[in-house]
Amino acid sequence: MFASDLVEAIQSLDANEPSRLDAFKKSLIMAADKNVSRELVKSVVCDHWIISTDGNRFRHLGDEVVARLIYHIAARPARLGFNIESEVNQRWDNEAWRKQFDYVTSYGDSANGLTLTYGAPKAV
């Protein structure tokens, strides 16, 4: 499914406001530039963006896609979770970049993947 398809589906819920999500999981293994667009990122306000690929097999985790996420994510700090740490994605665990661009990273491991823990719902 391309980003434009997801944007259309999300906007069908409410075309005037971004949808509120706790987490958004996006596989970035094929056609990543078409899977994650500025419009898609801006169509939701999301606390956790989960990237599901280690990039080792096909080298498909494009830096421009991760940068696009970091730049356009509305919730701050931008929270990026990688299902597993790898040579390809560990470059984003850069303290200077995290401070400059206001994001945090978390990594799963090969045995357990990535676990997100949620507290009590926020009062509306």
PDB file of N, CA and C in Angstrom:
ATOM      1  N   MET A   1       0.847  -1.169   0.000  1.00  0.00           N
ATOM      2  CA  MET A   1       0.000   0.000   0.000  1.00  0.00           C
ATOM      3  C   MET A   1       0.894   1.234   0.000  1.00  0.00           C
ATOM      4  N   PHE A   2       0.599   2.160  -0.887  1.00  0.00           N
ATOM      5  CA  PHE A   2       1.377   3.377  -0.990  1.00  0.00           C
ATOM      6  C   PHE A   2       0.887   4.418   0.010  1.00  0.00           C
ATOM      7  N   ALA A   3       1.739   5.381   0.297  1.00  0.00           N
ATOM      8  CA  ALA A   3       1.414   6.439   1.251  1.00  0.00           C
ATOM      9  C   ALA A   3       0.129   7.165   0.856  1.00  0.00           C
ATOM     10  N   SER A   4      -0.046   7.427  -0.417  1.00  0.00           N
ATOM     11  CA  SER A   4      -1.242   8.154  -0.861  1.00  0.00           C
ATOM     12  C   SER A   4      -2.520   7.384  -0.532  1.00  0.00           C
ATOM     13  N   ASP A   5      -2.475   6.055  -0.602  1.00  0.00           N
ATOM     14  CA  ASP A   5      -3.638   5.241  -0.233  1.00  0.00           C
ATOM     15  C   ASP A   5      -3.943   5.383   1.255  1.00  0.00           C
ATOM     16  N   LEU A   6      -2.903   5.358   2.072  1.00  0.00           N
ATOM     17  CA  LEU A   6      -3.094   5.503   3.520  1.00  0.00           C
ATOM     18  C   LEU A   6      -3.608   6.891   3.874  1.00  0.00           C
ATOM     19  N   VAL A   7      -3.071   7.914   3.240  1.00  0.00           N
ATOM     20  CA  VAL A   7      -3.532   9.281   3.498  1.00  0.00           C
ATOM     21  C   VAL A   7      -5.010   9.395   3.165  1.00  0.00           C
ATOM     22  N   GLU A   8      -5.406   8.848   2.046  1.00  0.00           N
ATOM     23  CA  GLU A   8      -6.824   8.893   1.651  1.00  0.00           C
ATOM     24  C   GLU A   8      -7.704   8.197   2.691  1.00  0.00           C
ATOM     25  N   ALA A   9      -7.276   7.035   3.167  1.00  0.00           N
ATOM     26  CA  ALA A   9      -8.050   6.314   4.184  1.00  0.00           C
ATOM     27  C   ALA A   9      -8.108   7.086   5.499  1.00  0.00           C
ATOM     28  N   ILE A  10      -6.995   7.643   5.925  1.00  0.00           N
ATOM     29  CA  ILE A  10      -6.952   8.405   7.173  1.00  0.00           C
ATOM     30  C   ILE A  10      -7.827   9.644   7.068  1.00  0.00           C
ATOM     31  N   GLN A  11      -7.744  10.347   5.951  1.00  0.00           N
ATOM     32  CA  GLN A  11      -8.539  11.558   5.781  1.00  0.00           C
ATOM     33  C   GLN A  11     -10.023  11.270   5.631  1.00  0.00           C
ATOM     34  N   SER A  12     -10.381  10.048   5.266  1.00  0.00           N
ATOM     35  CA  SER A  12     -11.800   9.710   5.193  1.00  0.00           C
ATOM     36  C   SER A  12     -12.434   9.683   6.587  1.00  0.00           C
ATOM     37  N   LEU A  13     -11.606   9.525   7.616  1.00  0.00           N
ATOM     38  CA  LEU A  13     -12.106   9.572   8.995  1.00  0.00           C
ATOM     39  C   LEU A  13     -12.403  11.001   9.419  1.00  0.00           C
ATOM     40  N   ASP A  14     -11.505  11.924   9.087  1.00  0.00           N
ATOM     41  CA  ASP A  14     -11.686  13.343   9.394  1.00  0.00           C
ATOM     42  C   ASP A  14     -10.720  14.122   8.517  1.00  0.00           C
ATOM     43  N   ALA A  15     -11.256  14.792   7.528  1.00  0.00           N
ATOM     44  CA  ALA A  15     -10.410  15.523   6.576  1.00  0.00           C
ATOM     45  C   ALA A  15      -9.872  16.820   7.158  1.00  0.00           C
ATOM     46  N   ASN A  16     -10.441  17.273   8.290  1.00  0.00           N
ATOM     47  CA  ASN A  16     -10.050  18.564   8.851  1.00  0.00           C
ATOM     48  C   ASN A  16      -8.938  18.487   9.883  1.00  0.00           C
ATOM     49  N   GLU A  17      -8.790  17.356  10.533  1.00  0.00           N
ATOM     50  CA  GLU A  17      -7.809  17.198  11.608  1.00  0.00           C
ATOM     51  C   GLU A  17      -6.992  15.928  11.395  1.00  0.00           C
ATOM     52  N   PRO A  18      -5.715  15.968  11.772  1.00  0.00           N
ATOM     53  CA  PRO A  18      -4.930  14.728  11.728  1.00  0.00           C
ATOM     54  C   PRO A  18      -5.488  13.711  12.722  1.00  0.00           C
ATOM     55  N   SER A  19      -5.425  12.454  12.386  1.00  0.00           N
ATOM     56  CA  SER A  19      -5.868  11.395  13.292  1.00  0.00           C
ATOM     57  C   SER A  19      -4.850  11.238  14.410  1.00  0.00           C
ATOM     58  N   ARG A  20      -5.321  10.903  15.599  1.00  0.00           N
ATOM     59  CA  ARG A  20      -4.464  10.722  16.771  1.00  0.00           C
ATOM     60  C   ARG A  20      -4.193   9.238  16.951  1.00  0.00           C
ATOM     61  N   LEU A  21      -2.905   8.845  16.965  1.00  0.00           N
ATOM     62  CA  LEU A  21      -2.512   7.447  17.113  1.00  0.00           C
ATOM     63  C   LEU A  21      -1.488   7.312  18.227  1.00  0.00           C
ATOM     64  N   ASP A  22      -1.488   6.168  18.883  1.00  0.00           N
ATOM     65  CA  ASP A  22      -0.442   5.869  19.857  1.00  0.00           C
ATOM     66  C   ASP A  22       0.814   5.366  19.155  1.00  0.00           C
ATOM     67  N   ALA A  23       0.629   4.587  18.098  1.00  0.00           N
ATOM     68  CA  ALA A  23       1.771   4.026  17.379  1.00  0.00           C
ATOM     69  C   ALA A  23       1.406   3.840  15.906  1.00  0.00           C
ATOM     70  N   PHE A  24       2.413   3.946  15.059  1.00  0.00           N
ATOM     71  CA  PHE A  24       2.252   3.750  13.626  1.00  0.00           C
ATOM     72  C   PHE A  24       3.428   2.884  13.183  1.00  0.00           C
ATOM     73  N   LYS A  25       3.135   1.689  12.703  1.00  0.00           N
ATOM     74  CA  LYS A  25       4.184   0.775  12.255  1.00  0.00           C
ATOM     75  C   LYS A  25       4.263   0.829  10.742  1.00  0.00           C
ATOM     76  N   LYS A  26       5.458   1.045  10.256  1.00  0.00           N
ATOM     77  CA  LYS A  26       5.647   1.127   8.816  1.00  0.00           C
ATOM     78  C   LYS A  26       6.812   0.252   8.407  1.00  0.00           C
ATOM     79  N   SER A  27       6.544  -0.668   7.525  1.00  0.00           N
ATOM     80  CA  SER A  27       7.609  -1.478   6.949  1.00  0.00           C
ATOM     81  C   SER A  27       8.270  -0.663   5.854  1.00  0.00           C
ATOM     82  N   LEU A  28       9.579  -0.654   5.847  1.00  0.00           N
ATOM     83  CA  LEU A  28      10.296   0.147   4.855  1.00  0.00           C
ATOM     84  C   LEU A  28      11.150  -0.722   3.951  1.00  0.00           C
ATOM     85  N   ILE A  29      10.647  -1.895   3.601  1.00  0.00           N
ATOM     86  CA  ILE A  29      11.502  -2.787   2.828  1.00  0.00           C
ATOM     87  C   ILE A  29      11.424  -2.582   1.325  1.00  0.00           C
ATOM     88  N   MET A  30      10.309  -2.162   0.799  1.00  0.00           N
ATOM     89  CA  MET A  30      10.183  -1.984  -0.646  1.00  0.00           C
ATOM     90  C   MET A  30       9.582  -0.611  -0.940  1.00  0.00           C
ATOM     91  N   ALA A  31      10.091   0.059  -1.934  1.00  0.00           N
ATOM     92  CA  ALA A  31       9.568   1.347  -2.395  1.00  0.00           C
ATOM     93  C   ALA A  31       9.359   2.315  -1.238  1.00  0.00           C
ATOM     94  N   ALA A  32      10.360   2.432  -0.385  1.00  0.00           N
ATOM     95  CA  ALA A  32      10.238   3.252   0.814  1.00  0.00           C
ATOM     96  C   ALA A  32       9.880   4.691   0.497  1.00  0.00           C
ATOM     97  N   ASP A  33      10.374   5.216  -0.598  1.00  0.00           N
ATOM     98  CA  ASP A  33      10.065   6.598  -0.940  1.00  0.00           C
ATOM     99  C   ASP A  33       8.584   6.781  -1.259  1.00  0.00           C
ATOM    100  N   LYS A  34       7.907   5.710  -1.652  1.00  0.00           N
ATOM    101  CA  LYS A  34       6.469   5.787  -1.919  1.00  0.00           C
ATOM    102  C   LYS A  34       5.645   5.362  -0.707  1.00  0.00           C
ATOM    103  N   ASN A  35       6.271   4.695   0.255  1.00  0.00           N
ATOM    104  CA  ASN A  35       5.575   4.225   1.448  1.00  0.00           C
ATOM    105  C   ASN A  35       5.455   5.292   2.534  1.00  0.00           C
ATOM    106  N   VAL A  36       6.359   6.247   2.549  1.00  0.00           N
ATOM    107  CA  VAL A  36       6.358   7.280   3.584  1.00  0.00           C
ATOM    108  C   VAL A  36       6.502   8.640   2.909  1.00  0.00           C
ATOM    109  N   SER A  37       5.440   9.411   2.942  1.00  0.00           N
ATOM    110  CA  SER A  37       5.466  10.748   2.346  1.00  0.00           C
ATOM    111  C   SER A  37       5.238  11.787   3.439  1.00  0.00           C
ATOM    112  N   ARG A  38       5.547  13.023   3.106  1.00  0.00           N
ATOM    113  CA  ARG A  38       5.283  14.133   4.026  1.00  0.00           C
ATOM    114  C   ARG A  38       3.799  14.167   4.377  1.00  0.00           C
ATOM    115  N   GLU A  39       2.949  13.976   3.387  1.00  0.00           N
ATOM    116  CA  GLU A  39       1.500  14.017   3.611  1.00  0.00           C
ATOM    117  C   GLU A  39       1.056  12.923   4.575  1.00  0.00           C
ATOM    118  N   LEU A  40       1.642  11.735   4.450  1.00  0.00           N
ATOM    119  CA  LEU A  40       1.285  10.643   5.354  1.00  0.00           C
ATOM    120  C   LEU A  40       1.681  10.987   6.781  1.00  0.00           C
ATOM    121  N   VAL A  41       2.901  11.440   6.972  1.00  0.00           N
ATOM    122  CA  VAL A  41       3.374  11.762   8.322  1.00  0.00           C
ATOM    123  C   VAL A  41       2.522  12.872   8.935  1.00  0.00           C
ATOM    124  N   LYS A  42       2.152  13.859   8.146  1.00  0.00           N
ATOM    125  CA  LYS A  42       1.355  14.978   8.643  1.00  0.00           C
ATOM    126  C   LYS A  42      -0.128  14.628   8.817  1.00  0.00           C
ATOM    127  N   SER A  43      -0.562  13.496   8.284  1.00  0.00           N
ATOM    128  CA  SER A  43      -1.975  13.125   8.400  1.00  0.00           C
ATOM    129  C   SER A  43      -2.325  12.545   9.770  1.00  0.00           C
ATOM    130  N   VAL A  44      -1.304  12.307  10.583  1.00  0.00           N
ATOM    131  CA  VAL A  44      -1.528  11.762  11.927  1.00  0.00           C
ATOM    132  C   VAL A  44      -0.656  12.498  12.946  1.00  0.00           C
ATOM    133  N   VAL A  45      -1.139  12.503  14.175  1.00  0.00           N
ATOM    134  CA  VAL A  45      -0.313  12.907  15.310  1.00  0.00           C
ATOM    135  C   VAL A  45      -0.081  11.621  16.073  1.00  0.00           C
ATOM    136  N   CYS A  46       1.162  11.197  16.124  1.00  0.00           N
ATOM    137  CA  CYS A  46       1.477   9.865  16.611  1.00  0.00           C
ATOM    138  C   CYS A  46       2.647   9.918  17.577  1.00  0.00           C
ATOM    139  N   ASP A  47       2.521   9.205  18.701  1.00  0.00           N
ATOM    140  CA  ASP A  47       3.566   9.202  19.717  1.00  0.00           C
ATOM    141  C   ASP A  47       4.759   8.328  19.351  1.00  0.00           C
ATOM    142  N   HIS A  48       4.540   7.230  18.667  1.00  0.00           N
ATOM    143  CA  HIS A  48       5.613   6.279  18.369  1.00  0.00           C
ATOM    144  C   HIS A  48       5.544   5.836  16.916  1.00  0.00           C
ATOM    145  N   TRP A  49       6.640   6.004  16.205  1.00  0.00           N
ATOM    146  CA  TRP A  49       6.757   5.525  14.836  1.00  0.00           C
ATOM    147  C   TRP A  49       7.666   4.313  14.848  1.00  0.00           C
ATOM    148  N   ILE A  50       7.150   3.176  14.441  1.00  0.00           N
ATOM    149  CA  ILE A  50       7.895   1.926  14.495  1.00  0.00           C
ATOM    150  C   ILE A  50       8.329   1.563  13.081  1.00  0.00           C
ATOM    151  N   ILE A  51       9.604   1.379  12.923  1.00  0.00           N
ATOM    152  CA  ILE A  51      10.179   1.060  11.621  1.00  0.00           C
ATOM    153  C   ILE A  51      10.556  -0.410  11.630  1.00  0.00           C
ATOM    154  N   SER A  52       9.931  -1.148  10.749  1.00  0.00           N
ATOM    155  CA  SER A  52      10.079  -2.592  10.747  1.00  0.00           C
ATOM    156  C   SER A  52      10.967  -3.049   9.598  1.00  0.00           C
ATOM    157  N   THR A  53      12.243  -2.957   9.801  1.00  0.00           N
ATOM    158  CA  THR A  53      13.246  -3.543   8.924  1.00  0.00           C
ATOM    159  C   THR A  53      14.596  -3.285   9.559  1.00  0.00           C
ATOM    160  N   ASP A  54      15.514  -4.179   9.366  1.00  0.00           N
ATOM    161  CA  ASP A  54      16.864  -3.896   9.851  1.00  0.00           C
ATOM    162  C   ASP A  54      17.725  -3.355   8.721  1.00  0.00           C
ATOM    163  N   GLY A  55      17.233  -3.459   7.485  1.00  0.00           N
ATOM    164  CA  GLY A  55      17.938  -2.909   6.341  1.00  0.00           C
ATOM    165  C   GLY A  55      19.118  -3.723   5.861  1.00  0.00           C
ATOM    166  N   ASN A  56      19.444  -4.807   6.543  1.00  0.00           N
ATOM    167  CA  ASN A  56      20.647  -5.562   6.181  1.00  0.00           C
ATOM    168  C   ASN A  56      20.494  -6.369   4.902  1.00  0.00           C
ATOM    169  N   ARG A  57      19.363  -7.005   4.722  1.00  0.00           N
ATOM    170  CA  ARG A  57      19.219  -7.914   3.583  1.00  0.00           C
ATOM    171  C   ARG A  57      19.170  -7.176   2.250  1.00  0.00           C
ATOM    172  N   PHE A  58      18.299  -6.153   2.168  1.00  0.00           N
ATOM    173  CA  PHE A  58      18.134  -5.454   0.902  1.00  0.00           C
ATOM    174  C   PHE A  58      18.620  -4.013   0.947  1.00  0.00           C
ATOM    175  N   ARG A  59      19.090  -3.554   2.127  1.00  0.00           N
ATOM    176  CA  ARG A  59      19.597  -2.186   2.300  1.00  0.00           C
ATOM    177  C   ARG A  59      18.536  -1.156   1.951  1.00  0.00           C
ATOM    178  N   HIS A  60      17.272  -1.413   2.331  1.00  0.00           N
ATOM    179  CA  HIS A  60      16.166  -0.544   1.936  1.00  0.00           C
ATOM    180  C   HIS A  60      15.796   0.525   2.940  1.00  0.00           C
ATOM    181  N   LEU A  61      16.499   0.625   4.036  1.00  0.00           N
ATOM    182  CA  LEU A  61      16.164   1.665   4.992  1.00  0.00           C
ATOM    183  C   LEU A  61      16.871   2.941   4.561  1.00  0.00           C
ATOM    184  N   GLY A  62      16.182   3.746   3.745  1.00  0.00           N
ATOM    185  CA  GLY A  62      16.788   4.946   3.209  1.00  0.00           C
ATOM    186  C   GLY A  62      16.892   6.046   4.243  1.00  0.00           C
ATOM    187  N   ASP A  63      18.046   6.676   4.301  1.00  0.00           N
ATOM    188  CA  ASP A  63      18.233   7.783   5.227  1.00  0.00           C
ATOM    189  C   ASP A  63      17.220   8.893   4.992  1.00  0.00           C
ATOM    190  N   GLU A  64      16.891   9.137   3.716  1.00  0.00           N
ATOM    191  CA  GLU A  64      15.949  10.215   3.419  1.00  0.00           C
ATOM    192  C   GLU A  64      14.559   9.926   3.983  1.00  0.00           C
ATOM    193  N   VAL A  65      14.182   8.668   4.068  1.00  0.00           N
ATOM    194  CA  VAL A  65      12.874   8.306   4.609  1.00  0.00           C
ATOM    195  C   VAL A  65      12.845   8.538   6.117  1.00  0.00           C
ATOM    196  N   VAL A  66      13.879   8.109   6.821  1.00  0.00           N
ATOM    197  CA  VAL A  66      13.940   8.327   8.268  1.00  0.00           C
ATOM    198  C   VAL A  66      14.017   9.831   8.554  1.00  0.00           C
ATOM    199  N   ALA A  67      14.804  10.559   7.778  1.00  0.00           N
ATOM    200  CA  ALA A  67      14.893  12.008   7.954  1.00  0.00           C
ATOM    201  C   ALA A  67      13.543  12.669   7.715  1.00  0.00           C
ATOM    202  N   ARG A  68      12.796  12.187   6.730  1.00  0.00           N
ATOM    203  CA  ARG A  68      11.460  12.723   6.449  1.00  0.00           C
ATOM    204  C   ARG A  68      10.547  12.517   7.648  1.00  0.00           C
ATOM    205  N   LEU A  69      10.626  11.340   8.244  1.00  0.00           N
ATOM    206  CA  LEU A  69       9.848  11.092   9.455  1.00  0.00           C
ATOM    207  C   LEU A  69      10.221  12.086  10.550  1.00  0.00           C
ATOM    208  N   ILE A  70      11.499  12.167  10.850  1.00  0.00           N
ATOM    209  CA  ILE A  70      11.952  13.041  11.929  1.00  0.00           C
ATOM    210  C   ILE A  70      11.522  14.488  11.684  1.00  0.00           C
ATOM    211  N   TYR A  71      11.655  14.938  10.484  1.00  0.00           N
ATOM    212  CA  TYR A  71      11.350  16.335  10.154  1.00  0.00           C
ATOM    213  C   TYR A  71       9.856  16.651  10.269  1.00  0.00           C
ATOM    214  N   HIS A  72       9.001  15.721   9.847  1.00  0.00           N
ATOM    215  CA  HIS A  72       7.568  16.025   9.745  1.00  0.00           C
ATOM    216  C   HIS A  72       6.713  15.510  10.903  1.00  0.00           C
ATOM    217  N   ILE A  73       7.253  14.687  11.780  1.00  0.00           N
ATOM    218  CA  ILE A  73       6.463  14.182  12.905  1.00  0.00           C
ATOM    219  C   ILE A  73       6.025  15.351  13.777  1.00  0.00           C
ATOM    220  N   ALA A  74       4.733  15.399  14.111  1.00  0.00           N
ATOM    221  CA  ALA A  74       4.191  16.506  14.900  1.00  0.00           C
ATOM    222  C   ALA A  74       4.508  16.364  16.385  1.00  0.00           C
ATOM    223  N   ALA A  75       4.365  15.171  16.941  1.00  0.00           N
ATOM    224  CA  ALA A  75       4.590  14.954  18.378  1.00  0.00           C
ATOM    225  C   ALA A  75       6.089  15.051  18.662  1.00  0.00           C
ATOM    226  N   ARG A  76       6.450  15.774  19.707  1.00  0.00           N
ATOM    227  CA  ARG A  76       7.863  15.936  20.066  1.00  0.00           C
ATOM    228  C   ARG A  76       8.106  15.537  21.496  1.00  0.00           C
ATOM    229  N   PRO A  77       9.230  14.891  21.755  1.00  0.00           N
ATOM    230  CA  PRO A  77      10.207  14.516  20.751  1.00  0.00           C
ATOM    231  C   PRO A  77       9.651  13.429  19.841  1.00  0.00           C
ATOM    232  N   ALA A  78      10.111  13.423  18.592  1.00  0.00           N
ATOM    233  CA  ALA A  78       9.734  12.355  17.666  1.00  0.00           C
ATOM    234  C   ALA A  78      10.310  11.057  18.211  1.00  0.00           C
ATOM    235  N   ARG A  79       9.499  10.018  18.279  1.00  0.00           N
ATOM    236  CA  ARG A  79       9.943   8.737  18.835  1.00  0.00           C
ATOM    237  C   ARG A  79       9.999   7.695  17.719  1.00  0.00           C
ATOM    238  N   LEU A  80      11.212   7.229  17.439  1.00  0.00           N
ATOM    239  CA  LEU A  80      11.427   6.214  16.418  1.00  0.00           C
ATOM    240  C   LEU A  80      11.820   4.911  17.091  1.00  0.00           C
ATOM    241  N   GLY A  81      11.095   3.856  16.802  1.00  0.00           N
ATOM    242  CA  GLY A  81      11.422   2.534  17.319  1.00  0.00           C
ATOM    243  C   GLY A  81      11.777   1.614  16.171  1.00  0.00           C
ATOM    244  N   PHE A  82      12.922   0.992  16.266  1.00  0.00           N
ATOM    245  CA  PHE A  82      13.367   0.035  15.243  1.00  0.00           C
ATOM    246  C   PHE A  82      13.181  -1.371  15.797  1.00  0.00           C
ATOM    247  N   ASN A  83      12.597  -2.263  15.008  1.00  0.00           N
ATOM    248  CA  ASN A  83      12.302  -3.606  15.501  1.00  0.00           C
ATOM    249  C   ASN A  83      13.555  -4.356  15.939  1.00  0.00           C
ATOM    250  N   ILE A  84      14.695  -4.030  15.353  1.00  0.00           N
ATOM    251  CA  ILE A  84      15.961  -4.680  15.694  1.00  0.00           C
ATOM    252  C   ILE A  84      17.092  -3.716  15.359  1.00  0.00           C
ATOM    253  N   GLU A  85      18.146  -3.720  16.152  1.00  0.00           N
ATOM    254  CA  GLU A  85      19.288  -2.859  15.878  1.00  0.00           C
ATOM    255  C   GLU A  85      20.170  -3.492  14.811  1.00  0.00           C
ATOM    256  N   SER A  86      20.665  -2.660  13.901  1.00  0.00           N
ATOM    257  CA  SER A  86      21.518  -3.151  12.823  1.00  0.00           C
ATOM    258  C   SER A  86      22.534  -2.080  12.445  1.00  0.00           C
ATOM    259  N   GLU A  87      23.490  -2.475  11.630  1.00  0.00           N
ATOM    260  CA  GLU A  87      24.463  -1.516  11.106  1.00  0.00           C
ATOM    261  C   GLU A  87      23.779  -0.378  10.373  1.00  0.00           C
ATOM    262  N   VAL A  88      22.716  -0.704   9.660  1.00  0.00           N
ATOM    263  CA  VAL A  88      22.036   0.271   8.817  1.00  0.00           C
ATOM    264  C   VAL A  88      21.257   1.294   9.641  1.00  0.00           C
ATOM    265  N   ASN A  89      20.598   0.862  10.723  1.00  0.00           N
ATOM    266  CA  ASN A  89      19.756   1.813  11.456  1.00  0.00           C
ATOM    267  C   ASN A  89      20.397   2.400  12.709  1.00  0.00           C
ATOM    268  N   GLN A  90      21.515   1.863  13.157  1.00  0.00           N
ATOM    269  CA  GLN A  90      22.104   2.389  14.387  1.00  0.00           C
ATOM    270  C   GLN A  90      22.702   3.782  14.195  1.00  0.00           C
ATOM    271  N   ARG A  91      22.870   4.224  12.966  1.00  0.00           N
ATOM    272  CA  ARG A  91      23.370   5.586  12.722  1.00  0.00           C
ATOM    273  C   ARG A  91      22.432   6.645  13.303  1.00  0.00           C
ATOM    274  N   TRP A  92      21.130   6.284  13.474  1.00  0.00           N
ATOM    275  CA  TRP A  92      20.153   7.232  14.008  1.00  0.00           C
ATOM    276  C   TRP A  92      20.251   7.366  15.521  1.00  0.00           C
ATOM    277  N   ASP A  93      21.031   6.498  16.144  1.00  0.00           N
ATOM    278  CA  ASP A  93      21.264   6.582  17.590  1.00  0.00           C
ATOM    279  C   ASP A  93      22.466   7.504  17.818  1.00  0.00           C
ATOM    280  N   ASN A  94      22.309   8.733  17.386  1.00  0.00           N
ATOM    281  CA  ASN A  94      23.376   9.727  17.385  1.00  0.00           C
ATOM    282  C   ASN A  94      22.944  10.866  18.311  1.00  0.00           C
ATOM    283  N   GLU A  95      23.624  11.015  19.424  1.00  0.00           N
ATOM    284  CA  GLU A  95      23.194  11.984  20.439  1.00  0.00           C
ATOM    285  C   GLU A  95      23.114  13.412  19.906  1.00  0.00           C
ATOM    286  N   ALA A  96      24.081  13.823  19.120  1.00  0.00           N
ATOM    287  CA  ALA A  96      24.061  15.187  18.574  1.00  0.00           C
ATOM    288  C   ALA A  96      22.849  15.389  17.661  1.00  0.00           C
ATOM    289  N   TRP A  97      22.567  14.417  16.808  1.00  0.00           N
ATOM    290  CA  TRP A  97      21.395  14.517  15.927  1.00  0.00           C
ATOM    291  C   TRP A  97      20.114  14.517  16.742  1.00  0.00           C
ATOM    292  N   ARG A  98      20.037  13.622  17.744  1.00  0.00           N
ATOM    293  CA  ARG A  98      18.813  13.548  18.563  1.00  0.00           C
ATOM    294  C   ARG A  98      18.526  14.896  19.220  1.00  0.00           C
ATOM    295  N   LYS A  99      19.545  15.547  19.742  1.00  0.00           N
ATOM    296  CA  LYS A  99      19.351  16.863  20.371  1.00  0.00           C
ATOM    297  C   LYS A  99      18.971  17.910  19.334  1.00  0.00           C
ATOM    298  N   GLN A 100      19.673  17.941  18.222  1.00  0.00           N
ATOM    299  CA  GLN A 100      19.426  18.963  17.200  1.00  0.00           C
ATOM    300  C   GLN A 100      18.038  18.842  16.580  1.00  0.00           C
ATOM    301  N   PHE A 101      17.590  17.608  16.326  1.00  0.00           N
ATOM    302  CA  PHE A 101      16.333  17.400  15.607  1.00  0.00           C
ATOM    303  C   PHE A 101      15.197  16.910  16.499  1.00  0.00           C
ATOM    304  N   ASP A 102      15.416  16.869  17.817  1.00  0.00           N
ATOM    305  CA  ASP A 102      14.392  16.563  18.809  1.00  0.00           C
ATOM    306  C   ASP A 102      13.697  15.223  18.547  1.00  0.00           C
ATOM    307  N   TYR A 103      14.480  14.159  18.594  1.00  0.00           N
ATOM    308  CA  TYR A 103      13.909  12.823  18.460  1.00  0.00           C
ATOM    309  C   TYR A 103      14.631  11.866  19.403  1.00  0.00           C
ATOM    310  N   VAL A 104      14.000  10.738  19.661  1.00  0.00           N
ATOM    311  CA  VAL A 104      14.596   9.675  20.462  1.00  0.00           C
ATOM    312  C   VAL A 104      14.491   8.375  19.671  1.00  0.00           C
ATOM    313  N   THR A 105      15.384   7.444  19.968  1.00  0.00           N
ATOM    314  CA  THR A 105      15.366   6.152  19.296  1.00  0.00           C
ATOM    315  C   THR A 105      15.290   5.040  20.319  1.00  0.00           C
ATOM    316  N   SER A 106      14.687   3.945  19.919  1.00  0.00           N
ATOM    317  CA  SER A 106      14.721   2.720  20.712  1.00  0.00           C
ATOM    318  C   SER A 106      14.869   1.565  19.728  1.00  0.00           C
ATOM    319  N   TYR A 107      15.487   0.488  20.229  1.00  0.00           N
ATOM    320  CA  TYR A 107      15.793  -0.650  19.371  1.00  0.00           C
ATOM    321  C   TYR A 107      15.374  -1.946  20.051  1.00  0.00           C
ATOM    322  N   GLY A 108      14.796  -2.848  19.269  1.00  0.00           N
ATOM    323  CA  GLY A 108      14.515  -4.184  19.754  1.00  0.00           C
ATOM    324  C   GLY A 108      15.736  -5.063  19.573  1.00  0.00           C
ATOM    325  N   ASP A 109      15.576  -6.319  19.909  1.00  0.00           N
ATOM    326  CA  ASP A 109      16.673  -7.269  19.695  1.00  0.00           C
ATOM    327  C   ASP A 109      16.144  -8.478  18.939  1.00  0.00           C
ATOM    328  N   SER A 110      17.055  -9.295  18.432  1.00  0.00           N
ATOM    329  CA  SER A 110      16.652 -10.410  17.578  1.00  0.00           C
ATOM    330  C   SER A 110      15.813 -11.442  18.310  1.00  0.00           C
ATOM    331  N   ALA A 111      15.960 -11.558  19.621  1.00  0.00           N
ATOM    332  CA  ALA A 111      15.187 -12.544  20.381  1.00  0.00           C
ATOM    333  C   ALA A 111      13.776 -12.058  20.688  1.00  0.00           C
ATOM    334  N   ASN A 112      13.625 -10.767  20.997  1.00  0.00           N
ATOM    335  CA  ASN A 112      12.336 -10.264  21.487  1.00  0.00           C
ATOM    336  C   ASN A 112      11.706  -9.171  20.636  1.00  0.00           C
ATOM    337  N   GLY A 113      12.413  -8.647  19.667  1.00  0.00           N
ATOM    338  CA  GLY A 113      11.878  -7.532  18.904  1.00  0.00           C
ATOM    339  C   GLY A 113      11.800  -6.288  19.762  1.00  0.00           C
ATOM    340  N   LEU A 114      10.911  -5.393  19.423  1.00  0.00           N
ATOM    341  CA  LEU A 114      10.733  -4.127  20.129  1.00  0.00           C
ATOM    342  C   LEU A 114       9.450  -4.185  20.940  1.00  0.00           C
ATOM    343  N   THR A 115       9.518  -3.769  22.188  1.00  0.00           N
ATOM    344  CA  THR A 115       8.348  -3.735  23.051  1.00  0.00           C
ATOM    345  C   THR A 115       8.051  -2.295  23.436  1.00  0.00           C
ATOM    346  N   LEU A 116       6.818  -1.866  23.240  1.00  0.00           N
ATOM    347  CA  LEU A 116       6.376  -0.552  23.688  1.00  0.00           C
ATOM    348  C   LEU A 116       5.504  -0.742  24.915  1.00  0.00           C
ATOM    349  N   THR A 117       5.704   0.084  25.925  1.00  0.00           N
ATOM    350  CA  THR A 117       4.904   0.026  27.136  1.00  0.00           C
ATOM    351  C   THR A 117       4.104   1.308  27.238  1.00  0.00           C
ATOM    352  N   TYR A 118       2.824   1.168  27.523  1.00  0.00           N
ATOM    353  CA  TYR A 118       1.950   2.327  27.609  1.00  0.00           C
ATOM    354  C   TYR A 118       1.439   2.464  29.038  1.00  0.00           C
ATOM    355  N   GLY A 119       1.326   3.706  29.472  1.00  0.00           N
ATOM    356  CA  GLY A 119       0.762   4.000  30.775  1.00  0.00           C
ATOM    357  C   GLY A 119      -0.729   4.214  30.659  1.00  0.00           C
ATOM    358  N   ALA A 120      -1.270   4.839  31.678  1.00  0.00           N
ATOM    359  CA  ALA A 120      -2.702   5.156  31.684  1.00  0.00           C
ATOM    360  C   ALA A 120      -3.000   6.140  30.563  1.00  0.00           C
ATOM    361  N   PRO A 121      -4.196   6.088  29.996  1.00  0.00           N
ATOM    362  CA  PRO A 121      -4.555   7.016  28.930  1.00  0.00           C
ATOM    363  C   PRO A 121      -4.473   8.467  29.418  1.00  0.00           C
ATOM    364  N   LYS A 122      -4.123   9.365  28.519  1.00  0.00           N
ATOM    365  CA  LYS A 122      -4.068  10.794  28.847  1.00  0.00           C
ATOM    366  C   LYS A 122      -5.475  11.342  28.968  1.00  0.00           C
ATOM    367  N   ALA A 123      -5.656  12.253  29.918  1.00  0.00           N
ATOM    368  CA  ALA A 123      -6.959  12.910  30.062  1.00  0.00           C
ATOM    369  C   ALA A 123      -7.197  13.822  28.871  1.00  0.00           C
ATOM    370  N   VAL A 124      -8.429  13.843  28.390  1.00  0.00           N
ATOM    371  CA  VAL A 124      -8.761  14.664  27.237  1.00  0.00           C
ATOM    372  C   VAL A 124      -9.392  15.951  27.680  1.00  0.00           C
TER     373      VAL A 124
END
